[in-house]
Amino acid sequence: MPVNKLEHALKQWAHTKEVNNLKKIDAKFVKSPLGKKMVKEWTDVGKVLEENLIKNDSGVHFPN
């Protein structure tokens, strides 16, 4: 089944040195001034969404 093959391939890829290098680069970026700024901005976005997003029977609504 194609889905099982994809899942297996992704699990194998997750344990490669390339992914490990990406994790290291990501960790360095998050510690940088620009990374800290982006984390703060996205945290603010998450708070706004959490406080204003209204779920109802027809889906979700975000008031103006």
PDB file of N, CA and C in Angstrom:
ATOM      1  N   MET A   1       0.839  -1.163   0.000  1.00  0.00           N
ATOM      2  CA  MET A   1       0.000   0.000   0.000  1.00  0.00           C
ATOM      3  C   MET A   1       0.903   1.251   0.000  1.00  0.00           C
ATOM      4  N   PRO A   2       0.639   2.226  -0.863  1.00  0.00           N
ATOM      5  CA  PRO A   2       1.496   3.411  -0.965  1.00  0.00           C
ATOM      6  C   PRO A   2       1.625   4.193   0.344  1.00  0.00           C
ATOM      7  N   VAL A   3       0.546   4.255   1.125  1.00  0.00           N
ATOM      8  CA  VAL A   3       0.595   5.012   2.376  1.00  0.00           C
ATOM      9  C   VAL A   3       1.585   4.376   3.344  1.00  0.00           C
ATOM     10  N   ASN A   4       1.584   3.049   3.408  1.00  0.00           N
ATOM     11  CA  ASN A   4       2.512   2.357   4.296  1.00  0.00           C
ATOM     12  C   ASN A   4       3.953   2.581   3.852  1.00  0.00           C
ATOM     13  N   LYS A   5       4.188   2.586   2.540  1.00  0.00           N
ATOM     14  CA  LYS A   5       5.537   2.821   2.032  1.00  0.00           C
ATOM     15  C   LYS A   5       5.993   4.232   2.361  1.00  0.00           C
ATOM     16  N   LEU A   6       5.111   5.200   2.221  1.00  0.00           N
ATOM     17  CA  LEU A   6       5.448   6.579   2.543  1.00  0.00           C
ATOM     18  C   LEU A   6       5.754   6.713   4.028  1.00  0.00           C
ATOM     19  N   GLU A   7       4.922   6.125   4.861  1.00  0.00           N
ATOM     20  CA  GLU A   7       5.145   6.182   6.307  1.00  0.00           C
ATOM     21  C   GLU A   7       6.496   5.578   6.665  1.00  0.00           C
ATOM     22  N   HIS A   8       6.812   4.432   6.083  1.00  0.00           N
ATOM     23  CA  HIS A   8       8.090   3.771   6.348  1.00  0.00           C
ATOM     24  C   HIS A   8       9.260   4.644   5.885  1.00  0.00           C
ATOM     25  N   ALA A   9       9.130   5.238   4.711  1.00  0.00           N
ATOM     26  CA  ALA A   9      10.198   6.094   4.183  1.00  0.00           C
ATOM     27  C   ALA A   9      10.413   7.311   5.076  1.00  0.00           C
ATOM     28  N   LEU A  10       9.325   7.918   5.556  1.00  0.00           N
ATOM     29  CA  LEU A  10       9.445   9.087   6.430  1.00  0.00           C
ATOM     30  C   LEU A  10      10.080   8.720   7.768  1.00  0.00           C
ATOM     31  N   LYS A  11       9.718   7.566   8.292  1.00  0.00           N
ATOM     32  CA  LYS A  11      10.314   7.127   9.555  1.00  0.00           C
ATOM     33  C   LYS A  11      11.812   6.878   9.389  1.00  0.00           C
ATOM     34  N   GLN A  12      12.201   6.306   8.260  1.00  0.00           N
ATOM     35  CA  GLN A  12      13.628   6.089   8.001  1.00  0.00           C
ATOM     36  C   GLN A  12      14.347   7.426   7.851  1.00  0.00           C
ATOM     37  N   TRP A  13      13.752   8.346   7.107  1.00  0.00           N
ATOM     38  CA  TRP A  13      14.358   9.651   6.876  1.00  0.00           C
ATOM     39  C   TRP A  13      14.526  10.425   8.174  1.00  0.00           C
ATOM     40  N   ALA A  14      13.587  10.247   9.106  1.00  0.00           N
ATOM     41  CA  ALA A  14      13.632  10.977  10.370  1.00  0.00           C
ATOM     42  C   ALA A  14      14.875  10.658  11.185  1.00  0.00           C
ATOM     43  N   HIS A  15      15.523   9.554  10.899  1.00  0.00           N
ATOM     44  CA  HIS A  15      16.701   9.134  11.667  1.00  0.00           C
ATOM     45  C   HIS A  15      18.000   9.313  10.887  1.00  0.00           C
ATOM     46  N   THR A  16      17.990  10.142   9.859  1.00  0.00           N
ATOM     47  CA  THR A  16      19.195  10.348   9.059  1.00  0.00           C
ATOM     48  C   THR A  16      20.017  11.515   9.601  1.00  0.00           C
ATOM     49  N   LYS A  17      21.265  11.590   9.165  1.00  0.00           N
ATOM     50  CA  LYS A  17      22.131  12.679   9.609  1.00  0.00           C
ATOM     51  C   LYS A  17      21.659  14.025   9.065  1.00  0.00           C
ATOM     52  N   GLU A  18      20.969  14.025   7.916  1.00  0.00           N
ATOM     53  CA  GLU A  18      20.447  15.269   7.358  1.00  0.00           C
ATOM     54  C   GLU A  18      19.414  15.899   8.289  1.00  0.00           C
ATOM     55  N   VAL A  19      18.532  15.081   8.821  1.00  0.00           N
ATOM     56  CA  VAL A  19      17.519  15.584   9.750  1.00  0.00           C
ATOM     57  C   VAL A  19      18.196  16.073  11.027  1.00  0.00           C
ATOM     58  N   ASN A  20      19.195  15.354  11.486  1.00  0.00           N
ATOM     59  CA  ASN A  20      19.933  15.775  12.672  1.00  0.00           C
ATOM     60  C   ASN A  20      20.600  17.133  12.436  1.00  0.00           C
ATOM     61  N   ASN A  21      21.156  17.341  11.242  1.00  0.00           N
ATOM     62  CA  ASN A  21      21.759  18.626  10.911  1.00  0.00           C
ATOM     63  C   ASN A  21      20.703  19.729  10.887  1.00  0.00           C
ATOM     64  N   LEU A  22      19.522  19.436  10.351  1.00  0.00           N
ATOM     65  CA  LEU A  22      18.440  20.419  10.339  1.00  0.00           C
ATOM     66  C   LEU A  22      18.038  20.813  11.762  1.00  0.00           C
ATOM     67  N   LYS A  23      17.999  19.834  12.650  1.00  0.00           N
ATOM     68  CA  LYS A  23      17.641  20.118  14.043  1.00  0.00           C
ATOM     69  C   LYS A  23      18.680  21.032  14.683  1.00  0.00           C
ATOM     70  N   LYS A  24      19.955  20.802  14.384  1.00  0.00           N
ATOM     71  CA  LYS A  24      21.015  21.644  14.938  1.00  0.00           C
ATOM     72  C   LYS A  24      20.908  23.070  14.398  1.00  0.00           C
ATOM     73  N   ILE A  25      20.688  23.193  13.102  1.00  0.00           N
ATOM     74  CA  ILE A  25      20.547  24.520  12.487  1.00  0.00           C
ATOM     75  C   ILE A  25      19.336  25.237  13.068  1.00  0.00           C
ATOM     76  N   ASP A  26      18.238  24.516  13.235  1.00  0.00           N
ATOM     77  CA  ASP A  26      17.018  25.091  13.791  1.00  0.00           C
ATOM     78  C   ASP A  26      17.252  25.577  15.222  1.00  0.00           C
ATOM     79  N   ALA A  27      17.939  24.783  16.022  1.00  0.00           N
ATOM     80  CA  ALA A  27      18.210  25.164  17.408  1.00  0.00           C
ATOM     81  C   ALA A  27      19.069  26.426  17.458  1.00  0.00           C
ATOM     82  N   LYS A  28      20.064  26.521  16.586  1.00  0.00           N
ATOM     83  CA  LYS A  28      20.910  27.720  16.542  1.00  0.00           C
ATOM     84  C   LYS A  28      20.090  28.941  16.137  1.00  0.00           C
ATOM     85  N   PHE A  29      19.202  28.758  15.163  1.00  0.00           N
ATOM     86  CA  PHE A  29      18.372  29.873  14.705  1.00  0.00           C
ATOM     87  C   PHE A  29      17.451  30.366  15.812  1.00  0.00           C
ATOM     88  N   VAL A  30      16.824  29.462  16.527  1.00  0.00           N
ATOM     89  CA  VAL A  30      15.886  29.849  17.587  1.00  0.00           C
ATOM     90  C   VAL A  30      16.616  30.629  18.682  1.00  0.00           C
ATOM     91  N   LYS A  31      17.890  30.352  18.894  1.00  0.00           N
ATOM     92  CA  LYS A  31      18.671  31.063  19.913  1.00  0.00           C
ATOM     93  C   LYS A  31      19.166  32.422  19.421  1.00  0.00           C
ATOM     94  N   SER A  32      19.138  32.655  18.125  1.00  0.00           N
ATOM     95  CA  SER A  32      19.629  33.913  17.564  1.00  0.00           C
ATOM     96  C   SER A  32      18.617  35.027  17.829  1.00  0.00           C
ATOM     97  N   PRO A  33      19.050  36.300  17.734  1.00  0.00           N
ATOM     98  CA  PRO A  33      18.116  37.414  17.934  1.00  0.00           C
ATOM     99  C   PRO A  33      16.920  37.370  16.980  1.00  0.00           C
ATOM    100  N   LEU A  34      17.168  37.072  15.708  1.00  0.00           N
ATOM    101  CA  LEU A  34      16.064  36.989  14.748  1.00  0.00           C
ATOM    102  C   LEU A  34      15.125  35.832  15.095  1.00  0.00           C
ATOM    103  N   GLY A  35      15.685  34.716  15.499  1.00  0.00           N
ATOM    104  CA  GLY A  35      14.871  33.567  15.887  1.00  0.00           C
ATOM    105  C   GLY A  35      14.003  33.873  17.092  1.00  0.00           C
ATOM    106  N   LYS A  36      14.578  34.551  18.085  1.00  0.00           N
ATOM    107  CA  LYS A  36      13.808  34.926  19.276  1.00  0.00           C
ATOM    108  C   LYS A  36      12.669  35.870  18.908  1.00  0.00           C
ATOM    109  N   LYS A  37      12.956  36.800  17.983  1.00  0.00           N
ATOM    110  CA  LYS A  37      11.926  37.739  17.542  1.00  0.00           C
ATOM    111  C   LYS A  37      10.784  36.994  16.838  1.00  0.00           C
ATOM    112  N   MET A  38      11.137  36.049  15.967  1.00  0.00           N
ATOM    113  CA  MET A  38      10.104  35.295  15.244  1.00  0.00           C
ATOM    114  C   MET A  38       9.268  34.447  16.193  1.00  0.00           C
ATOM    115  N   VAL A  39       9.904  33.825  17.175  1.00  0.00           N
ATOM    116  CA  VAL A  39       9.165  33.018  18.148  1.00  0.00           C
ATOM    117  C   VAL A  39       8.168  33.901  18.891  1.00  0.00           C
ATOM    118  N   LYS A  40       8.605  35.092  19.309  1.00  0.00           N
ATOM    119  CA  LYS A  40       7.711  36.016  20.015  1.00  0.00           C
ATOM    120  C   LYS A  40       6.545  36.426  19.130  1.00  0.00           C
ATOM    121  N   GLU A  41       6.829  36.760  17.853  1.00  0.00           N
ATOM    122  CA  GLU A  41       5.761  37.172  16.944  1.00  0.00           C
ATOM    123  C   GLU A  41       4.746  36.065  16.735  1.00  0.00           C
ATOM    124  N   TRP A  42       5.214  34.843  16.528  1.00  0.00           N
ATOM    125  CA  TRP A  42       4.280  33.737  16.285  1.00  0.00           C
ATOM    126  C   TRP A  42       3.524  33.346  17.543  1.00  0.00           C
ATOM    127  N   THR A  43       4.152  33.540  18.706  1.00  0.00           N
ATOM    128  CA  THR A  43       3.438  33.302  19.964  1.00  0.00           C
ATOM    129  C   THR A  43       2.293  34.296  20.092  1.00  0.00           C
ATOM    130  N   ASP A  44       2.566  35.566  19.724  1.00  0.00           N
ATOM    131  CA  ASP A  44       1.523  36.590  19.751  1.00  0.00           C
ATOM    132  C   ASP A  44       0.383  36.229  18.801  1.00  0.00           C
ATOM    133  N   VAL A  45       0.698  35.740  17.616  1.00  0.00           N
ATOM    134  CA  VAL A  45      -0.324  35.329  16.646  1.00  0.00           C
ATOM    135  C   VAL A  45      -1.179  34.209  17.236  1.00  0.00           C
ATOM    136  N   GLY A  46      -0.530  33.256  17.876  1.00  0.00           N
ATOM    137  CA  GLY A  46      -1.262  32.146  18.493  1.00  0.00           C
ATOM    138  C   GLY A  46      -2.219  32.621  19.572  1.00  0.00           C
ATOM    139  N   LYS A  47      -1.777  33.596  20.370  1.00  0.00           N
ATOM    140  CA  LYS A  47      -2.651  34.134  21.427  1.00  0.00           C
ATOM    141  C   LYS A  47      -3.867  34.824  20.818  1.00  0.00           C
ATOM    142  N   VAL A  48      -3.660  35.621  19.767  1.00  0.00           N
ATOM    143  CA  VAL A  48      -4.770  36.319  19.118  1.00  0.00           C
ATOM    144  C   VAL A  48      -5.766  35.310  18.546  1.00  0.00           C
ATOM    145  N   LEU A  49      -5.267  34.281  17.890  1.00  0.00           N
ATOM    146  CA  LEU A  49      -6.157  33.260  17.346  1.00  0.00           C
ATOM    147  C   LEU A  49      -6.931  32.562  18.450  1.00  0.00           C
ATOM    148  N   GLU A  50      -6.233  32.199  19.497  1.00  0.00           N
ATOM    149  CA  GLU A  50      -6.872  31.482  20.605  1.00  0.00           C
ATOM    150  C   GLU A  50      -7.972  32.324  21.256  1.00  0.00           C
ATOM    151  N   GLU A  51      -7.723  33.621  21.386  1.00  0.00           N
ATOM    152  CA  GLU A  51      -8.681  34.498  22.051  1.00  0.00           C
ATOM    153  C   GLU A  51      -9.863  34.886  21.164  1.00  0.00           C
ATOM    154  N   ASN A  52      -9.713  34.837  19.840  1.00  0.00           N
ATOM    155  CA  ASN A  52     -10.748  35.375  18.957  1.00  0.00           C
ATOM    156  C   ASN A  52     -11.430  34.356  18.051  1.00  0.00           C
ATOM    157  N   LEU A  53     -10.878  33.199  17.875  1.00  0.00           N
ATOM    158  CA  LEU A  53     -11.459  32.203  16.989  1.00  0.00           C
ATOM    159  C   LEU A  53     -12.687  31.581  17.642  1.00  0.00           C
ATOM    160  N   ILE A  54     -13.808  31.617  16.938  1.00  0.00           N
ATOM    161  CA  ILE A  54     -15.072  31.103  17.466  1.00  0.00           C
ATOM    162  C   ILE A  54     -15.468  29.868  16.665  1.00  0.00           C
ATOM    163  N   LYS A  55     -15.631  28.744  17.346  1.00  0.00           N
ATOM    164  CA  LYS A  55     -16.059  27.507  16.691  1.00  0.00           C
ATOM    165  C   LYS A  55     -17.569  27.395  16.826  1.00  0.00           C
ATOM    166  N   ASN A  56     -18.232  27.049  15.698  1.00  0.00           N
ATOM    167  CA  ASN A  56     -19.680  26.862  15.719  1.00  0.00           C
ATOM    168  C   ASN A  56     -20.042  25.664  14.848  1.00  0.00           C
ATOM    169  N   ASP A  57     -21.325  25.428  14.656  1.00  0.00           N
ATOM    170  CA  ASP A  57     -21.778  24.261  13.905  1.00  0.00           C
ATOM    171  C   ASP A  57     -21.325  24.257  12.455  1.00  0.00           C
ATOM    172  N   SER A  58     -21.169  25.436  11.871  1.00  0.00           N
ATOM    173  CA  SER A  58     -20.797  25.506  10.443  1.00  0.00           C
ATOM    174  C   SER A  58     -19.286  25.610  10.237  1.00  0.00           C
ATOM    175  N   GLY A  59     -18.510  25.603  11.301  1.00  0.00           N
ATOM    176  CA  GLY A  59     -17.053  25.680  11.179  1.00  0.00           C
ATOM    177  C   GLY A  59     -16.473  26.629  12.204  1.00  0.00           C
ATOM    178  N   VAL A  60     -15.619  27.527  11.718  1.00  0.00           N
ATOM    179  CA  VAL A  60     -15.004  28.498  12.604  1.00  0.00           C
ATOM    180  C   VAL A  60     -15.211  29.901  12.063  1.00  0.00           C
ATOM    181  N   HIS A  61     -15.178  30.879  12.952  1.00  0.00           N
ATOM    182  CA  HIS A  61     -15.378  32.273  12.567  1.00  0.00           C
ATOM    183  C   HIS A  61     -14.319  33.114  13.269  1.00  0.00           C
ATOM    184  N   PHE A  62     -13.704  34.028  12.513  1.00  0.00           N
ATOM    185  CA  PHE A  62     -12.743  34.965  13.069  1.00  0.00           C
ATOM    186  C   PHE A  62     -13.281  36.369  12.839  1.00  0.00           C
ATOM    187  N   PRO A  63     -13.815  37.006  13.885  1.00  0.00           N
ATOM    188  CA  PRO A  63     -14.424  38.326  13.698  1.00  0.00           C
ATOM    189  C   PRO A  63     -13.397  39.379  13.287  1.00  0.00           C
ATOM    190  N   ASN A  64     -13.864  40.387  12.568  1.00  0.00           N
ATOM    191  CA  ASN A  64     -12.984  41.485  12.135  1.00  0.00           C
ATOM    192  C   ASN A  64     -12.520  42.294  13.330  1.00  0.00           C
TER     193      ASN A  64
END
